[in-house]
Amino acid sequence: VGMANVTVLGAGAWGTAFGQVLADAGNDVMMWAIEPEIVKAIQTEHRNPVRLPSVEKLPDNMKATGDRAEAVAHADVVVVAIAAQYARGALEEFKGLIPDSALIVSLMKGIEKSTGKRMDQVVCEALDLPTQRFAAVSGPNLSKQIAARQPAATVIGCTDIDNARMMANLCTTDYFKAFITADVIGLELCGSLKNVVALAVGMSHGAGYGENTAAMIETRGLAELTAVGTAAGALPETFHGLAGVGDLIATCGSPLSRNYTFGFNLGKGMSVAEATKASDGVAEGVATASAVVELGEKYHVDTPLAKAVTRVLDDGISFSQMVSEMFPQGITVE
């Protein structure tokens, strides 16, 4: 018997990789996916060749189903790993099926474009949850590397710190470490906003520039994230930790990051439409860039990086134009 029954909703790369972490930690894991071919592959071959082909064989204590009621019927924990912009609609289908005692844990990083809401707000609204039953997971977690069981760490946030601690225990293995916080807002904003910075850094590399340029953009980006985040009620130390600067470094430095790759293609001179086609979908940071600008306006915080990125996305300005808009007075000491 495993430590807990954990259901993962969504068998994308990160949902599947995190499912493997949970299984390695000794839990019984049930994957739910809308794609019948993914369910069948996990059930019969213990593989997810569609979304996580790098893993030859998933653990034996991972199962899969396409049936919503069956997926969550016995869940102690329900992990949500659905694309951020589709989360609300997908979760509404599970309302009334999830046990009242289950902890709901989000792996999603993003801001809902239509409402400007964070994922914690979206999940709690869609499932009618009290905040203490919601936890967020965010950190430098490129799924392919965690799937390869390379050492990694994450942060788990819940307004009820005991629930965060419980979830941390459920997903700790010899290669995966979990830290805890009560700063859910900060955790959510770190995970969403850093994707905008990754787009900008990807663009700089795509335009042919090196580490100095990337570091300049990342530093501006971190200052912007922290300013917007603290104005929205987050703790500044969250941005200086694993979920903030840690995730920023991983996402901005890796071609495994879809946001980085999307930016890289824009920096090379592709249009948004061409980059979307090349990366098989729009990167999360594209929707988030305008959300950051709106958050900045709401809280009276200057967001030159996010504004410059939206100008690239909406008006097609060049990388050098973006840099001059991002640093209008050069760099002043804050």
C-alpha atoms as a PDB file:
ATOM      1  CA  VAL A   1       0.000   0.000   0.000  1.00  0.00           C
ATOM      2  CA  GLY A   2       1.392   3.407  -1.009  1.00  0.00           C
ATOM      3  CA  MET A   3       1.661   6.477   1.197  1.00  0.00           C
ATOM      4  CA  ALA A   4      -1.320   8.144  -0.491  1.00  0.00           C
ATOM      5  CA  ASN A   5      -3.600   7.846  -3.491  1.00  0.00           C
ATOM      6  CA  VAL A   6      -2.582  10.663  -5.811  1.00  0.00           C
ATOM      7  CA  THR A   7      -4.386  11.503  -9.045  1.00  0.00           C
ATOM      8  CA  VAL A   8      -2.700  13.663 -11.683  1.00  0.00           C
ATOM      9  CA  LEU A   9      -5.063  15.468 -14.049  1.00  0.00           C
ATOM     10  CA  GLY A  10      -3.291  15.962 -17.364  1.00  0.00           C
ATOM     11  CA  ALA A  11      -0.571  13.683 -18.718  1.00  0.00           C
ATOM     12  CA  GLY A  12       1.620  16.274 -20.407  1.00  0.00           C
ATOM     13  CA  ALA A  13       5.392  16.238 -19.928  1.00  0.00           C
ATOM     14  CA  TRP A  14       5.393  17.840 -16.465  1.00  0.00           C
ATOM     15  CA  GLY A  15       2.281  16.039 -15.217  1.00  0.00           C
ATOM     16  CA  THR A  16       3.818  12.704 -16.228  1.00  0.00           C
ATOM     17  CA  ALA A  17       7.265  13.538 -14.812  1.00  0.00           C
ATOM     18  CA  PHE A  18       5.746  14.689 -11.503  1.00  0.00           C
ATOM     19  CA  GLY A  19       3.612  11.534 -11.494  1.00  0.00           C
ATOM     20  CA  GLN A  20       6.838   9.549 -11.687  1.00  0.00           C
ATOM     21  CA  VAL A  21       8.286  11.543  -8.741  1.00  0.00           C
ATOM     22  CA  LEU A  22       5.160  10.745  -6.696  1.00  0.00           C
ATOM     23  CA  ALA A  23       5.360   7.072  -7.648  1.00  0.00           C
ATOM     24  CA  ASP A  24       9.085   6.968  -6.788  1.00  0.00           C
ATOM     25  CA  ALA A  25       8.183   8.464  -3.390  1.00  0.00           C
ATOM     26  CA  GLY A  26       5.904   5.453  -2.745  1.00  0.00           C
ATOM     27  CA  ASN A  27       2.440   6.768  -3.608  1.00  0.00           C
ATOM     28  CA  ASP A  28      -0.141   5.024  -5.782  1.00  0.00           C
ATOM     29  CA  VAL A  29      -0.492   7.295  -8.792  1.00  0.00           C
ATOM     30  CA  MET A  30      -3.451   7.515 -11.173  1.00  0.00           C
ATOM     31  CA  MET A  31      -2.930   9.591 -14.309  1.00  0.00           C
ATOM     32  CA  TRP A  32      -5.999  11.058 -16.009  1.00  0.00           C
ATOM     33  CA  ALA A  33      -5.719  12.182 -19.628  1.00  0.00           C
ATOM     34  CA  ILE A  34      -8.237  13.267 -22.206  1.00  0.00           C
ATOM     35  CA  GLU A  35      -6.209  11.594 -25.000  1.00  0.00           C
ATOM     36  CA  PRO A  36      -7.162   7.873 -25.273  1.00  0.00           C
ATOM     37  CA  GLU A  37      -3.806   7.007 -26.896  1.00  0.00           C
ATOM     38  CA  ILE A  38      -1.892   8.388 -23.878  1.00  0.00           C
ATOM     39  CA  VAL A  39      -4.103   6.510 -21.392  1.00  0.00           C
ATOM     40  CA  LYS A  40      -3.609   3.291 -23.345  1.00  0.00           C
ATOM     41  CA  ALA A  41       0.184   3.704 -23.585  1.00  0.00           C
ATOM     42  CA  ILE A  42       0.558   4.355 -19.839  1.00  0.00           C
ATOM     43  CA  GLN A  43      -1.755   1.443 -18.959  1.00  0.00           C
ATOM     44  CA  THR A  44      -0.334  -1.145 -21.343  1.00  0.00           C
ATOM     45  CA  GLU A  45       3.308  -0.136 -21.944  1.00  0.00           C
ATOM     46  CA  HIS A  46       4.065   2.050 -18.890  1.00  0.00           C
ATOM     47  CA  ARG A  47       5.164   4.797 -21.265  1.00  0.00           C
ATOM     48  CA  ASN A  48       3.987   8.204 -22.475  1.00  0.00           C
ATOM     49  CA  PRO A  49       5.517   8.291 -25.966  1.00  0.00           C
ATOM     50  CA  VAL A  50       3.388  11.306 -26.937  1.00  0.00           C
ATOM     51  CA  ARG A  51       4.421  13.760 -24.198  1.00  0.00           C
ATOM     52  CA  LEU A  52       7.439  12.235 -22.419  1.00  0.00           C
ATOM     53  CA  PRO A  53       9.214   9.964 -24.913  1.00  0.00           C
ATOM     54  CA  SER A  54      12.532  10.249 -23.025  1.00  0.00           C
ATOM     55  CA  VAL A  55      11.284   7.831 -20.330  1.00  0.00           C
ATOM     56  CA  GLU A  56      11.585   4.179 -21.377  1.00  0.00           C
ATOM     57  CA  LYS A  57       9.428   2.814 -18.577  1.00  0.00           C
ATOM     58  CA  LEU A  58       7.275   4.544 -15.981  1.00  0.00           C
ATOM     59  CA  PRO A  59       7.017   3.008 -12.475  1.00  0.00           C
ATOM     60  CA  ASP A  60       4.641   0.076 -11.923  1.00  0.00           C
ATOM     61  CA  ASN A  61       2.613   2.041  -9.350  1.00  0.00           C
ATOM     62  CA  MET A  62       1.439   4.482 -12.062  1.00  0.00           C
ATOM     63  CA  LYS A  63      -1.891   3.735 -13.751  1.00  0.00           C
ATOM     64  CA  ALA A  64      -4.036   5.730 -16.156  1.00  0.00           C
ATOM     65  CA  THR A  65      -7.691   6.275 -17.009  1.00  0.00           C
ATOM     66  CA  GLY A  66      -9.753   8.497 -19.272  1.00  0.00           C
ATOM     67  CA  ASP A  67     -12.762   8.285 -16.935  1.00  0.00           C
ATOM     68  CA  ARG A  68     -13.130  11.379 -14.738  1.00  0.00           C
ATOM     69  CA  ALA A  69     -15.101   9.763 -11.904  1.00  0.00           C
ATOM     70  CA  GLU A  70     -12.809   6.739 -11.735  1.00  0.00           C
ATOM     71  CA  ALA A  71      -9.729   8.981 -11.793  1.00  0.00           C
ATOM     72  CA  VAL A  72     -10.561  10.936  -8.633  1.00  0.00           C
ATOM     73  CA  ALA A  73     -12.900   8.619  -6.692  1.00  0.00           C
ATOM     74  CA  HIS A  74     -10.302   7.519  -4.114  1.00  0.00           C
ATOM     75  CA  ALA A  75      -7.893  10.455  -4.307  1.00  0.00           C
ATOM     76  CA  ASP A  76      -6.233  11.858  -1.196  1.00  0.00           C
ATOM     77  CA  VAL A  77      -4.474  14.400  -3.397  1.00  0.00           C
ATOM     78  CA  VAL A  78      -5.455  15.679  -6.854  1.00  0.00           C
ATOM     79  CA  VAL A  79      -2.618  17.247  -8.844  1.00  0.00           C
ATOM     80  CA  VAL A  80      -3.693  19.587 -11.650  1.00  0.00           C
ATOM     81  CA  ALA A  81      -1.366  19.729 -14.669  1.00  0.00           C
ATOM     82  CA  ILE A  82      -3.595  21.120 -17.412  1.00  0.00           C
ATOM     83  CA  ALA A  83      -2.603  23.985 -19.750  1.00  0.00           C
ATOM     84  CA  ALA A  84      -3.269  27.192 -17.790  1.00  0.00           C
ATOM     85  CA  GLN A  85      -5.658  28.773 -20.309  1.00  0.00           C
ATOM     86  CA  TYR A  86      -7.881  25.649 -20.325  1.00  0.00           C
ATOM     87  CA  ALA A  87      -7.763  24.872 -16.619  1.00  0.00           C
ATOM     88  CA  ARG A  88     -11.053  26.454 -15.562  1.00  0.00           C
ATOM     89  CA  GLY A  89     -13.196  24.635 -18.110  1.00  0.00           C
ATOM     90  CA  ALA A  90     -11.415  21.325 -17.578  1.00  0.00           C
ATOM     91  CA  LEU A  91     -11.756  21.507 -13.781  1.00  0.00           C
ATOM     92  CA  GLU A  92     -15.460  22.357 -13.857  1.00  0.00           C
ATOM     93  CA  GLU A  93     -16.002  18.849 -15.285  1.00  0.00           C
ATOM     94  CA  PHE A  94     -14.535  17.390 -12.064  1.00  0.00           C
ATOM     95  CA  LYS A  95     -16.660  19.461  -9.708  1.00  0.00           C
ATOM     96  CA  GLY A  96     -18.680  17.154  -7.466  1.00  0.00           C
ATOM     97  CA  LEU A  97     -16.496  14.133  -8.321  1.00  0.00           C
ATOM     98  CA  ILE A  98     -13.475  15.009  -6.134  1.00  0.00           C
ATOM     99  CA  PRO A  99     -13.658  13.839  -2.480  1.00  0.00           C
ATOM    100  CA  ASP A 100     -14.279  16.693  -0.009  1.00  0.00           C
ATOM    101  CA  SER A 101     -11.134  15.874   1.955  1.00  0.00           C
ATOM    102  CA  ALA A 102      -8.718  15.890  -1.007  1.00  0.00           C
ATOM    103  CA  LEU A 103      -5.913  18.420  -1.256  1.00  0.00           C
ATOM    104  CA  ILE A 104      -5.789  20.064  -4.710  1.00  0.00           C
ATOM    105  CA  VAL A 105      -2.256  20.752  -5.925  1.00  0.00           C
ATOM    106  CA  SER A 106      -1.509  22.889  -8.987  1.00  0.00           C
ATOM    107  CA  LEU A 107       1.554  22.443 -11.205  1.00  0.00           C
ATOM    108  CA  MET A 108       0.342  25.165 -13.556  1.00  0.00           C
ATOM    109  CA  LYS A 109       2.270  28.346 -14.232  1.00  0.00           C
ATOM    110  CA  GLY A 110       0.274  31.141 -15.799  1.00  0.00           C
ATOM    111  CA  ILE A 111      -2.295  33.904 -15.614  1.00  0.00           C
ATOM    112  CA  GLU A 112      -5.765  33.322 -17.079  1.00  0.00           C
ATOM    113  CA  LYS A 113      -5.845  35.647 -20.067  1.00  0.00           C
ATOM    114  CA  SER A 114      -9.595  36.336 -20.066  1.00  0.00           C
ATOM    115  CA  THR A 115      -9.757  37.325 -16.377  1.00  0.00           C
ATOM    116  CA  GLY A 116      -6.182  38.240 -15.352  1.00  0.00           C
ATOM    117  CA  LYS A 117      -6.496  35.750 -12.471  1.00  0.00           C
ATOM    118  CA  ARG A 118      -3.741  33.573 -11.010  1.00  0.00           C
ATOM    119  CA  MET A 119      -4.059  29.782 -11.099  1.00  0.00           C
ATOM    120  CA  ASP A 120      -4.797  29.578  -7.353  1.00  0.00           C
ATOM    121  CA  GLN A 121      -7.814  31.833  -7.944  1.00  0.00           C
ATOM    122  CA  VAL A 122      -8.914  29.878 -11.027  1.00  0.00           C
ATOM    123  CA  VAL A 123      -8.690  26.476  -9.299  1.00  0.00           C
ATOM    124  CA  CYS A 124     -10.453  27.611  -6.116  1.00  0.00           C
ATOM    125  CA  GLU A 125     -13.254  29.224  -8.142  1.00  0.00           C
ATOM    126  CA  ALA A 126     -13.698  26.291 -10.541  1.00  0.00           C
ATOM    127  CA  LEU A 127     -13.838  23.702  -7.724  1.00  0.00           C
ATOM    128  CA  ASP A 128     -15.382  25.944  -5.045  1.00  0.00           C
ATOM    129  CA  LEU A 129     -12.423  25.263  -2.742  1.00  0.00           C
ATOM    130  CA  PRO A 130     -11.396  26.908   0.523  1.00  0.00           C
ATOM    131  CA  THR A 131      -7.820  28.239   0.162  1.00  0.00           C
ATOM    132  CA  GLN A 132      -6.372  25.865   2.772  1.00  0.00           C
ATOM    133  CA  ARG A 133      -7.213  22.920   0.477  1.00  0.00           C
ATOM    134  CA  PHE A 134      -5.190  24.421  -2.397  1.00  0.00           C
ATOM    135  CA  ALA A 135      -1.420  24.083  -2.852  1.00  0.00           C
ATOM    136  CA  ALA A 136       0.852  25.311  -5.639  1.00  0.00           C
ATOM    137  CA  VAL A 137       4.115  23.723  -6.816  1.00  0.00           C
ATOM    138  CA  SER A 138       6.674  25.928  -8.536  1.00  0.00           C
ATOM    139  CA  GLY A 139      10.427  25.869  -9.007  1.00  0.00           C
ATOM    140  CA  PRO A 140      13.238  25.260 -11.487  1.00  0.00           C
ATOM    141  CA  ASN A 141      11.593  22.094 -12.798  1.00  0.00           C
ATOM    142  CA  LEU A 142      12.295  21.317 -16.447  1.00  0.00           C
ATOM    143  CA  SER A 143      10.279  18.134 -16.843  1.00  0.00           C
ATOM    144  CA  LYS A 144      12.693  16.150 -19.000  1.00  0.00           C
ATOM    145  CA  GLN A 145      15.512  16.529 -16.441  1.00  0.00           C
ATOM    146  CA  ILE A 146      13.296  15.511 -13.526  1.00  0.00           C
ATOM    147  CA  ALA A 147      12.043  12.574 -15.585  1.00  0.00           C
ATOM    148  CA  ALA A 148      15.717  11.549 -15.908  1.00  0.00           C
ATOM    149  CA  ARG A 149      15.904  11.716 -12.082  1.00  0.00           C
ATOM    150  CA  GLN A 150      18.506  14.478 -12.047  1.00  0.00           C
ATOM    151  CA  PRO A 151      18.704  16.269  -8.653  1.00  0.00           C
ATOM    152  CA  ALA A 152      16.101  19.036  -8.448  1.00  0.00           C
ATOM    153  CA  ALA A 153      14.067  20.995  -5.925  1.00  0.00           C
ATOM    154  CA  THR A 154      10.744  22.790  -5.847  1.00  0.00           C
ATOM    155  CA  VAL A 155       8.626  24.972  -3.566  1.00  0.00           C
ATOM    156  CA  ILE A 156       5.166  23.996  -2.324  1.00  0.00           C
ATOM    157  CA  GLY A 157       2.905  26.777  -1.161  1.00  0.00           C
ATOM    158  CA  CYS A 158      -0.303  26.588   0.852  1.00  0.00           C
ATOM    159  CA  THR A 159      -1.992  29.038   3.226  1.00  0.00           C
ATOM    160  CA  ASP A 160      -2.162  26.066   5.616  1.00  0.00           C
ATOM    161  CA  ILE A 161       1.531  25.290   6.142  1.00  0.00           C
ATOM    162  CA  ASP A 162       0.731  21.797   7.491  1.00  0.00           C
ATOM    163  CA  ASN A 163      -0.870  20.913   4.155  1.00  0.00           C
ATOM    164  CA  ALA A 164       2.210  22.240   2.346  1.00  0.00           C
ATOM    165  CA  ARG A 165       4.380  20.078   4.606  1.00  0.00           C
ATOM    166  CA  MET A 166       2.217  17.013   3.993  1.00  0.00           C
ATOM    167  CA  MET A 167       2.496  17.464   0.220  1.00  0.00           C
ATOM    168  CA  ALA A 168       6.261  18.039   0.500  1.00  0.00           C
ATOM    169  CA  ASN A 169       6.575  14.688   2.297  1.00  0.00           C
ATOM    170  CA  LEU A 170       4.555  12.944  -0.418  1.00  0.00           C
ATOM    171  CA  CYS A 171       6.847  14.099  -3.228  1.00  0.00           C
ATOM    172  CA  THR A 172      10.296  13.938  -1.626  1.00  0.00           C
ATOM    173  CA  THR A 173      12.672  11.346  -3.101  1.00  0.00           C
ATOM    174  CA  ASP A 174      16.446  10.885  -3.103  1.00  0.00           C
ATOM    175  CA  TYR A 175      16.653  13.180  -6.177  1.00  0.00           C
ATOM    176  CA  PHE A 176      13.687  15.531  -5.630  1.00  0.00           C
ATOM    177  CA  LYS A 177      13.473  17.943  -2.684  1.00  0.00           C
ATOM    178  CA  ALA A 178      10.497  20.081  -1.707  1.00  0.00           C
ATOM    179  CA  PHE A 179      10.588  23.291   0.337  1.00  0.00           C
ATOM    180  CA  ILE A 180       7.490  24.942   1.785  1.00  0.00           C
ATOM    181  CA  THR A 181       5.998  28.428   2.013  1.00  0.00           C
ATOM    182  CA  ALA A 182       2.713  30.076   2.948  1.00  0.00           C
ATOM    183  CA  ASP A 183       3.245  32.691   0.210  1.00  0.00           C
ATOM    184  CA  VAL A 184       0.952  31.258  -2.458  1.00  0.00           C
ATOM    185  CA  ILE A 185       0.607  34.599  -4.268  1.00  0.00           C
ATOM    186  CA  GLY A 186       4.385  34.960  -4.582  1.00  0.00           C
ATOM    187  CA  LEU A 187       4.772  31.376  -5.767  1.00  0.00           C
ATOM    188  CA  GLU A 188       2.071  31.810  -8.416  1.00  0.00           C
ATOM    189  CA  LEU A 189       3.495  35.097  -9.664  1.00  0.00           C
ATOM    190  CA  CYS A 190       7.077  33.771  -9.837  1.00  0.00           C
ATOM    191  CA  GLY A 191       5.988  30.847 -11.988  1.00  0.00           C
ATOM    192  CA  SER A 192       3.948  32.983 -14.375  1.00  0.00           C
ATOM    193  CA  LEU A 193       5.954  36.151 -14.689  1.00  0.00           C
ATOM    194  CA  LYS A 194       9.343  34.520 -15.275  1.00  0.00           C
ATOM    195  CA  ASN A 195       8.068  33.159 -18.596  1.00  0.00           C
ATOM    196  CA  VAL A 196       7.941  36.716 -19.931  1.00  0.00           C
ATOM    197  CA  VAL A 197      11.610  37.195 -18.991  1.00  0.00           C
ATOM    198  CA  ALA A 198      12.465  33.869 -20.659  1.00  0.00           C
ATOM    199  CA  LEU A 199      10.876  35.108 -23.890  1.00  0.00           C
ATOM    200  CA  ALA A 200      13.077  38.224 -23.772  1.00  0.00           C
ATOM    201  CA  VAL A 201      16.245  36.237 -23.002  1.00  0.00           C
ATOM    202  CA  GLY A 202      15.437  33.732 -25.751  1.00  0.00           C
ATOM    203  CA  MET A 203      15.098  36.669 -28.127  1.00  0.00           C
ATOM    204  CA  SER A 204      18.502  38.036 -27.146  1.00  0.00           C
ATOM    205  CA  HIS A 205      20.173  34.683 -27.881  1.00  0.00           C
ATOM    206  CA  GLY A 206      18.178  34.306 -31.094  1.00  0.00           C
ATOM    207  CA  ALA A 207      19.407  37.742 -32.165  1.00  0.00           C
ATOM    208  CA  GLY A 208      22.961  36.479 -31.658  1.00  0.00           C
ATOM    209  CA  TYR A 209      23.898  38.023 -28.313  1.00  0.00           C
ATOM    210  CA  GLY A 210      25.616  36.309 -25.398  1.00  0.00           C
ATOM    211  CA  GLU A 211      25.558  36.031 -21.619  1.00  0.00           C
ATOM    212  CA  ASN A 212      26.101  39.709 -20.766  1.00  0.00           C
ATOM    213  CA  THR A 213      22.942  40.668 -22.627  1.00  0.00           C
ATOM    214  CA  ALA A 214      21.004  37.788 -21.088  1.00  0.00           C
ATOM    215  CA  ALA A 215      22.163  38.714 -17.563  1.00  0.00           C
ATOM    216  CA  MET A 216      21.162  42.341 -18.110  1.00  0.00           C
ATOM    217  CA  ILE A 217      17.657  41.270 -19.143  1.00  0.00           C
ATOM    218  CA  GLU A 218      17.313  38.692 -16.341  1.00  0.00           C
ATOM    219  CA  THR A 219      18.342  41.241 -13.708  1.00  0.00           C
ATOM    220  CA  ARG A 220      15.789  43.766 -14.993  1.00  0.00           C
ATOM    221  CA  GLY A 221      13.246  40.964 -15.145  1.00  0.00           C
ATOM    222  CA  LEU A 222      13.833  39.851 -11.565  1.00  0.00           C
ATOM    223  CA  ALA A 223      13.494  43.438 -10.314  1.00  0.00           C
ATOM    224  CA  GLU A 224      10.221  43.768 -12.252  1.00  0.00           C
ATOM    225  CA  LEU A 225       8.815  40.450 -10.993  1.00  0.00           C
ATOM    226  CA  THR A 226       9.666  41.354  -7.424  1.00  0.00           C
ATOM    227  CA  ALA A 227       8.161  44.836  -7.675  1.00  0.00           C
ATOM    228  CA  VAL A 228       4.906  43.622  -9.248  1.00  0.00           C
ATOM    229  CA  GLY A 229       4.738  40.627  -6.901  1.00  0.00           C
ATOM    230  CA  THR A 230       5.263  42.523  -3.660  1.00  0.00           C
ATOM    231  CA  ALA A 231       2.740  45.172  -4.747  1.00  0.00           C
ATOM    232  CA  ALA A 232       0.253  42.315  -5.261  1.00  0.00           C
ATOM    233  CA  GLY A 233       0.840  41.041  -1.714  1.00  0.00           C
ATOM    234  CA  ALA A 234       3.711  38.558  -2.135  1.00  0.00           C
ATOM    235  CA  LEU A 235       6.799  38.317   0.076  1.00  0.00           C
ATOM    236  CA  PRO A 236      10.015  39.616  -1.530  1.00  0.00           C
ATOM    237  CA  GLU A 237      12.030  36.612  -0.287  1.00  0.00           C
ATOM    238  CA  THR A 238       9.938  34.294  -2.483  1.00  0.00           C
ATOM    239  CA  PHE A 239      11.409  36.032  -5.545  1.00  0.00           C
ATOM    240  CA  HIS A 240      14.944  35.675  -4.191  1.00  0.00           C
ATOM    241  CA  GLY A 241      14.560  31.917  -3.681  1.00  0.00           C
ATOM    242  CA  LEU A 242      14.122  28.727  -5.705  1.00  0.00           C
ATOM    243  CA  ALA A 243      10.750  29.640  -7.182  1.00  0.00           C
ATOM    244  CA  GLY A 244      11.908  33.110  -8.241  1.00  0.00           C
ATOM    245  CA  VAL A 245      15.533  33.546  -9.244  1.00  0.00           C
ATOM    246  CA  GLY A 246      15.989  29.741  -9.323  1.00  0.00           C
ATOM    247  CA  ASP A 247      13.240  29.153 -11.841  1.00  0.00           C
ATOM    248  CA  LEU A 248      14.272  32.251 -13.786  1.00  0.00           C
ATOM    249  CA  ILE A 249      17.809  30.878 -14.276  1.00  0.00           C
ATOM    250  CA  ALA A 250      16.544  27.437 -15.370  1.00  0.00           C
ATOM    251  CA  THR A 251      13.936  28.792 -17.780  1.00  0.00           C
ATOM    252  CA  CYS A 252      16.120  31.520 -19.282  1.00  0.00           C
ATOM    253  CA  GLY A 253      19.080  29.216 -19.806  1.00  0.00           C
ATOM    254  CA  SER A 254      17.478  26.237 -21.436  1.00  0.00           C
ATOM    255  CA  PRO A 255      16.424  25.330 -24.957  1.00  0.00           C
ATOM    256  CA  LEU A 256      14.122  22.810 -23.182  1.00  0.00           C
ATOM    257  CA  SER A 257      11.985  25.779 -22.143  1.00  0.00           C
ATOM    258  CA  ARG A 258       9.240  26.477 -24.654  1.00  0.00           C
ATOM    259  CA  ASN A 259       9.239  30.171 -23.699  1.00  0.00           C
ATOM    260  CA  TYR A 260      12.980  30.466 -24.334  1.00  0.00           C
ATOM    261  CA  THR A 261      12.668  28.658 -27.680  1.00  0.00           C
ATOM    262  CA  PHE A 262       9.697  30.788 -28.726  1.00  0.00           C
ATOM    263  CA  GLY A 263      11.697  33.931 -27.914  1.00  0.00           C
ATOM    264  CA  PHE A 264      14.761  32.541 -29.700  1.00  0.00           C
ATOM    265  CA  ASN A 265      12.726  32.102 -32.877  1.00  0.00           C
ATOM    266  CA  LEU A 266      11.373  35.662 -32.606  1.00  0.00           C
ATOM    267  CA  GLY A 267      14.909  36.975 -32.076  1.00  0.00           C
ATOM    268  CA  LYS A 268      16.034  35.132 -35.217  1.00  0.00           C
ATOM    269  CA  GLY A 269      13.433  37.139 -37.119  1.00  0.00           C
ATOM    270  CA  MET A 270      10.386  34.846 -37.163  1.00  0.00           C
ATOM    271  CA  SER A 271       6.926  36.352 -36.811  1.00  0.00           C
ATOM    272  CA  VAL A 272       4.709  35.342 -33.881  1.00  0.00           C
ATOM    273  CA  ALA A 273       2.716  33.122 -36.264  1.00  0.00           C
ATOM    274  CA  GLU A 274       5.870  31.412 -37.564  1.00  0.00           C
ATOM    275  CA  ALA A 275       7.235  30.904 -34.034  1.00  0.00           C
ATOM    276  CA  THR A 276       3.893  29.428 -32.942  1.00  0.00           C
ATOM    277  CA  LYS A 277       4.050  26.977 -35.823  1.00  0.00           C
ATOM    278  CA  ALA A 278       7.687  26.085 -35.107  1.00  0.00           C
ATOM    279  CA  SER A 279       7.095  25.371 -31.406  1.00  0.00           C
ATOM    280  CA  ASP A 280       3.812  23.515 -31.913  1.00  0.00           C
ATOM    281  CA  GLY A 281       1.748  26.030 -29.957  1.00  0.00           C
ATOM    282  CA  VAL A 282       1.997  29.366 -28.213  1.00  0.00           C
ATOM    283  CA  ALA A 283       4.349  29.681 -25.234  1.00  0.00           C
ATOM    284  CA  GLU A 284       2.702  30.580 -21.909  1.00  0.00           C
ATOM    285  CA  GLY A 285       4.700  33.833 -21.640  1.00  0.00           C
ATOM    286  CA  VAL A 286       2.904  35.259 -24.674  1.00  0.00           C
ATOM    287  CA  ALA A 287      -0.431  35.409 -22.838  1.00  0.00           C
ATOM    288  CA  THR A 288       1.276  36.469 -19.633  1.00  0.00           C
ATOM    289  CA  ALA A 289       3.155  39.497 -21.008  1.00  0.00           C
ATOM    290  CA  SER A 290       0.051  41.656 -21.323  1.00  0.00           C
ATOM    291  CA  ALA A 291      -1.184  40.359 -17.944  1.00  0.00           C
ATOM    292  CA  VAL A 292       2.029  41.670 -16.327  1.00  0.00           C
ATOM    293  CA  VAL A 293       1.528  45.084 -17.940  1.00  0.00           C
ATOM    294  CA  GLU A 294      -2.034  45.150 -16.560  1.00  0.00           C
ATOM    295  CA  LEU A 295      -0.838  44.102 -13.089  1.00  0.00           C
ATOM    296  CA  GLY A 296       1.744  46.891 -13.224  1.00  0.00           C
ATOM    297  CA  GLU A 297      -0.927  49.431 -14.098  1.00  0.00           C
ATOM    298  CA  LYS A 298      -3.222  48.126 -11.365  1.00  0.00           C
ATOM    299  CA  TYR A 299      -0.526  48.391  -8.671  1.00  0.00           C
ATOM    300  CA  HIS A 300       1.278  51.460 -10.086  1.00  0.00           C
ATOM    301  CA  VAL A 301       4.523  49.576 -10.744  1.00  0.00           C
ATOM    302  CA  ASP A 302       6.673  50.315 -13.783  1.00  0.00           C
ATOM    303  CA  THR A 303       7.007  47.267 -16.077  1.00  0.00           C
ATOM    304  CA  PRO A 304       9.374  48.256 -18.923  1.00  0.00           C
ATOM    305  CA  LEU A 305      10.385  44.664 -19.706  1.00  0.00           C
ATOM    306  CA  ALA A 306       6.836  43.346 -20.005  1.00  0.00           C
ATOM    307  CA  LYS A 307       5.811  46.410 -22.033  1.00  0.00           C
ATOM    308  CA  ALA A 308       8.744  45.949 -24.409  1.00  0.00           C
ATOM    309  CA  VAL A 309       7.936  42.242 -24.829  1.00  0.00           C
ATOM    310  CA  THR A 310       4.270  43.016 -25.640  1.00  0.00           C
ATOM    311  CA  ARG A 311       5.524  45.514 -28.258  1.00  0.00           C
ATOM    312  CA  VAL A 312       7.503  42.707 -29.887  1.00  0.00           C
ATOM    313  CA  LEU A 313       4.480  40.390 -29.811  1.00  0.00           C
ATOM    314  CA  ASP A 314       1.859  42.934 -30.908  1.00  0.00           C
ATOM    315  CA  ASP A 315       3.795  45.381 -33.076  1.00  0.00           C
ATOM    316  CA  GLY A 316       6.712  43.237 -34.254  1.00  0.00           C
ATOM    317  CA  ILE A 317       9.455  45.624 -33.072  1.00  0.00           C
ATOM    318  CA  SER A 318      13.052  44.378 -33.359  1.00  0.00           C
ATOM    319  CA  PHE A 319      15.209  43.077 -30.526  1.00  0.00           C
ATOM    320  CA  SER A 320      17.392  46.220 -30.447  1.00  0.00           C
ATOM    321  CA  GLN A 321      14.277  48.385 -30.320  1.00  0.00           C
ATOM    322  CA  MET A 322      13.017  46.204 -27.433  1.00  0.00           C
ATOM    323  CA  VAL A 323      16.251  46.760 -25.492  1.00  0.00           C
ATOM    324  CA  SER A 324      16.097  50.525 -25.930  1.00  0.00           C
ATOM    325  CA  GLU A 325      12.473  50.537 -24.714  1.00  0.00           C
ATOM    326  CA  MET A 326      13.354  48.277 -21.786  1.00  0.00           C
ATOM    327  CA  PHE A 327      16.159  50.587 -20.647  1.00  0.00           C
ATOM    328  CA  PRO A 328      14.898  54.021 -21.686  1.00  0.00           C
ATOM    329  CA  GLN A 329      17.350  55.981 -19.511  1.00  0.00           C
ATOM    330  CA  GLY A 330      20.096  53.412 -19.706  1.00  0.00           C
ATOM    331  CA  ILE A 331      20.399  51.671 -16.362  1.00  0.00           C
ATOM    332  CA  THR A 332      19.763  53.721 -13.271  1.00  0.00           C
ATOM    333  CA  VAL A 333      20.377  52.571  -9.741  1.00  0.00           C
ATOM    334  CA  GLU A 334      17.005  51.666  -8.198  1.00  0.00           C
END
